[in-house]
Protein backbone atom coordinates (compact mmCIF):
# COMPACT_ATOMS: atom_id res chain seq x y z
CA MET A 1 -136.81 97.42 32.11
CA VAL A 2 -139.58 97.43 34.70
CA TYR A 3 -141.89 100.48 34.83
CA HIS A 4 -144.13 101.36 37.72
CA ASP A 5 -146.94 102.96 35.75
CA ALA A 6 -148.08 103.58 32.17
CA ALA A 7 -146.88 107.20 32.15
CA GLU A 8 -143.34 106.16 33.09
CA ALA A 9 -143.40 103.44 30.44
CA HIS A 10 -144.55 105.88 27.78
CA ALA A 11 -142.02 108.55 28.77
CA PHE A 12 -139.07 106.17 28.75
CA LYS A 13 -140.10 103.76 26.06
CA GLU A 14 -137.19 101.62 24.96
CA PRO A 15 -136.57 101.59 21.21
CA SER A 16 -137.58 98.63 19.08
CA PHE A 17 -134.65 96.50 18.08
CA GLY A 18 -136.38 95.19 14.97
CA TRP A 19 -134.11 97.51 12.95
CA TYR A 20 -131.03 95.89 14.46
CA VAL A 21 -132.09 92.36 13.54
CA ALA A 22 -133.15 93.51 10.04
CA LEU A 23 -129.85 95.32 9.53
CA ARG A 24 -127.77 92.33 10.60
CA ARG A 25 -129.71 89.97 8.38
CA TYR A 26 -129.54 92.36 5.41
CA LEU A 27 -125.78 92.84 5.76
CA ALA A 28 -125.17 89.09 6.16
CA VAL A 29 -126.96 88.43 2.86
CA VAL A 30 -125.17 91.33 1.19
CA LEU A 31 -121.80 89.98 2.29
CA VAL A 32 -122.37 86.39 1.23
CA GLY A 33 -124.42 87.25 -1.86
CA ASN A 34 -121.83 89.69 -3.21
CA LEU A 35 -118.95 87.36 -2.50
CA VAL A 36 -120.66 84.57 -4.48
CA TRP A 37 -121.63 87.02 -7.24
CA GLU A 38 -118.08 88.42 -7.53
CA PHE A 39 -116.63 84.96 -8.07
CA ALA A 40 -119.47 83.91 -10.40
CA HIS A 41 -119.14 86.88 -12.75
CA MET A 42 -115.32 87.04 -12.72
CA PRO A 43 -115.12 85.42 -16.22
CA LEU A 44 -116.89 88.54 -17.50
CA TYR A 45 -113.78 90.59 -16.67
CA THR A 46 -110.38 90.27 -18.33
CA ILE A 47 -108.67 89.46 -15.02
CA TRP A 48 -110.21 85.98 -15.22
CA TRP A 49 -108.25 85.34 -18.40
CA THR A 50 -105.08 87.29 -17.65
CA GLY A 51 -104.64 87.23 -13.87
CA THR A 52 -103.21 84.64 -11.47
CA TRP A 53 -105.49 82.76 -9.09
CA GLY A 54 -104.17 84.96 -6.27
CA GLU A 55 -105.05 88.13 -8.22
CA ILE A 56 -108.52 86.77 -9.01
CA VAL A 57 -109.22 85.85 -5.38
CA PHE A 58 -107.89 89.20 -4.16
CA ALA A 59 -110.05 91.08 -6.71
CA ALA A 60 -113.21 89.18 -5.67
CA VAL A 61 -112.60 89.65 -1.94
CA HIS A 62 -111.59 93.31 -2.41
CA CYS A 63 -114.69 94.02 -4.54
CA THR A 64 -116.90 92.27 -1.99
CA GLY A 65 -115.56 94.56 0.74
CA GLY A 66 -116.39 97.53 -1.48
CA ASP A 67 -119.85 96.07 -2.16
CA VAL A 68 -120.57 95.83 1.58
CA LEU A 69 -119.49 99.44 2.07
CA ILE A 70 -121.64 100.57 -0.86
CA ALA A 71 -124.57 98.60 0.55
CA LEU A 72 -124.14 100.16 3.99
CA ALA A 73 -123.76 103.69 2.62
CA SER A 74 -126.75 103.23 0.28
CA LEU A 75 -128.90 101.91 3.12
CA THR A 76 -127.82 104.70 5.45
CA LEU A 77 -128.63 107.38 2.87
CA ALA A 78 -132.01 105.73 2.15
CA LEU A 79 -132.80 105.58 5.87
CA LEU A 80 -131.91 109.26 6.30
CA MET A 81 -134.13 110.22 3.37
CA ALA A 82 -137.11 107.89 3.75
CA GLY A 83 -136.82 106.00 7.03
CA ASN A 84 -138.29 106.80 10.42
CA ASP A 85 -137.99 105.57 13.98
CA ALA A 86 -140.34 102.67 13.23
CA TRP A 87 -138.22 101.29 10.38
CA PRO A 88 -138.31 98.54 9.25
CA LEU A 89 -141.90 98.09 10.37
CA LYS A 90 -142.81 101.26 8.46
CA ARG A 91 -141.31 102.79 5.29
CA TYR A 92 -139.71 99.42 4.50
CA ARG A 93 -140.40 99.51 0.75
CA ALA A 94 -139.33 103.12 0.27
CA VAL A 95 -136.04 102.46 2.04
CA ALA A 96 -135.44 99.26 0.06
CA ALA A 97 -136.22 100.96 -3.26
CA LEU A 98 -133.93 103.89 -2.53
CA THR A 99 -131.15 101.59 -1.33
CA VAL A 100 -131.26 99.58 -4.57
CA LEU A 101 -131.39 102.82 -6.63
CA PHE A 102 -128.41 104.34 -4.84
CA GLY A 103 -126.40 101.10 -5.05
CA ALA A 104 -127.09 100.70 -8.78
CA ALA A 105 -126.30 104.37 -9.49
CA TYR A 106 -123.01 104.18 -7.61
CA THR A 107 -122.13 100.94 -9.39
CA ALA A 108 -122.73 102.55 -12.81
CA PHE A 109 -120.49 105.46 -11.76
CA SER A 110 -117.82 103.13 -10.37
CA GLU A 111 -117.81 100.98 -13.51
CA TRP A 112 -117.36 104.12 -15.63
CA LEU A 113 -114.66 105.51 -13.34
CA ASN A 114 -112.67 102.24 -13.16
CA ILE A 115 -113.08 101.14 -16.78
CA VAL A 116 -113.06 104.39 -18.74
CA VAL A 117 -111.21 106.91 -16.60
CA ARG A 118 -108.75 104.89 -14.48
CA THR A 119 -108.62 101.76 -16.67
CA ALA A 120 -108.24 99.75 -13.47
CA TRP A 121 -110.16 96.83 -14.93
CA ALA A 122 -111.84 95.80 -18.16
CA TYR A 123 -114.75 93.72 -19.35
CA SER A 124 -114.12 90.55 -21.33
CA ASP A 125 -116.01 90.02 -24.56
CA MET A 126 -118.47 87.88 -22.59
CA MET A 127 -119.84 90.77 -20.52
CA PRO A 128 -123.30 91.83 -21.65
CA VAL A 129 -123.40 95.65 -21.64
CA LEU A 130 -125.88 98.47 -21.63
CA SER A 131 -124.79 101.55 -23.52
CA ALA A 132 -125.68 104.68 -21.61
CA PHE A 133 -124.30 108.22 -21.57
CA GLY A 134 -121.61 107.35 -24.10
CA PHE A 135 -120.11 104.35 -22.35
CA ASP A 136 -120.91 100.69 -21.73
CA VAL A 137 -122.01 99.52 -18.29
CA GLY A 138 -121.88 95.80 -17.53
CA LEU A 139 -125.27 94.23 -16.95
CA SER A 140 -123.88 91.75 -14.43
CA PRO A 141 -122.75 94.41 -11.91
CA LEU A 142 -126.02 96.29 -12.39
CA PHE A 143 -128.10 93.15 -11.85
CA GLN A 144 -125.91 92.38 -8.83
CA TRP A 145 -127.05 95.68 -7.29
CA ILE A 146 -130.68 94.81 -7.89
CA VAL A 147 -130.78 91.09 -7.05
CA VAL A 148 -128.47 90.85 -3.99
CA PRO A 149 -129.97 93.80 -2.04
CA LEU A 150 -133.52 92.66 -2.79
CA ILE A 151 -132.71 89.18 -1.47
CA GLY A 152 -131.15 90.88 1.58
CA PHE A 153 -134.26 92.95 2.19
CA TRP A 154 -136.48 89.90 1.75
CA TRP A 155 -134.41 88.01 4.34
CA ALA A 156 -134.47 90.99 6.71
CA LEU A 157 -138.27 91.21 6.38
CA ARG A 158 -138.61 87.59 7.41
CA SER A 159 -137.10 88.52 10.79
CA LEU A 160 -139.71 91.16 11.47
CA SER A 161 -142.59 88.82 12.14
CA ARG A 162 -140.45 86.93 14.63
CA SER A 163 -139.36 90.19 16.29
CA ARG A 164 -142.93 91.41 16.63
CA GLU A 165 -144.00 88.09 18.19
CA ALA A 166 -141.10 88.20 20.67
CA LYS A 167 -141.83 91.83 21.57
CA ALA A 168 -145.51 91.06 22.14
CA GLU A 169 -144.59 88.18 24.42
CA LEU A 170 -142.25 90.42 26.45
CA GLN A 171 -144.87 93.14 26.74
CA ALA A 172 -147.45 90.63 27.92
CA ALA A 173 -145.14 89.14 30.55
CA GLU A 174 -145.51 90.32 34.12
CA VAL A 175 -142.90 90.15 36.81
CA GLY A 176 -144.10 90.57 40.40
CA GLY A 177 -147.31 92.22 39.23
CA GLU A 178 -145.47 94.87 37.23
CA ARG A 179 -145.72 94.96 33.48
CA ILE A 180 -142.48 94.72 31.46
CA VAL A 181 -142.60 97.04 28.50
């Protein structure tokens, strides 16, 4: 957008789209990372040993869809609690920490709900577990909700330096003597 003076540019400043690039990169890593993780840790669940290949593939894809929704909900809640209009340039670490915390907490709840209460799935003897609050939580799903989001946030952060450079170039450009902001 072309502004005619500094006051107009300040009054109608367009938002930074660094958040959009960071969000897309984060979600892309979360999608791919969780899909790979779901297939990799499938032998830690009984379905690997008792299910058909179709059931195993369905379970991994279904769980990956849930993982993406958990990641999006966790990030949204973290942004509402700790983010600001300059995110991800500011408050990046607080949002990332809260996102990982919310995702891990929901995962522990979901494991309890689906293993203990609903008995929808079960761990194989190979699953390393952490005993907490009277039940066992698989370490693989907990680590999944630490490792995958952190890689996603790292990848999203890499985009920020490129976004800042592009924004600076746009702001420095002039068209017909008028500054583009």
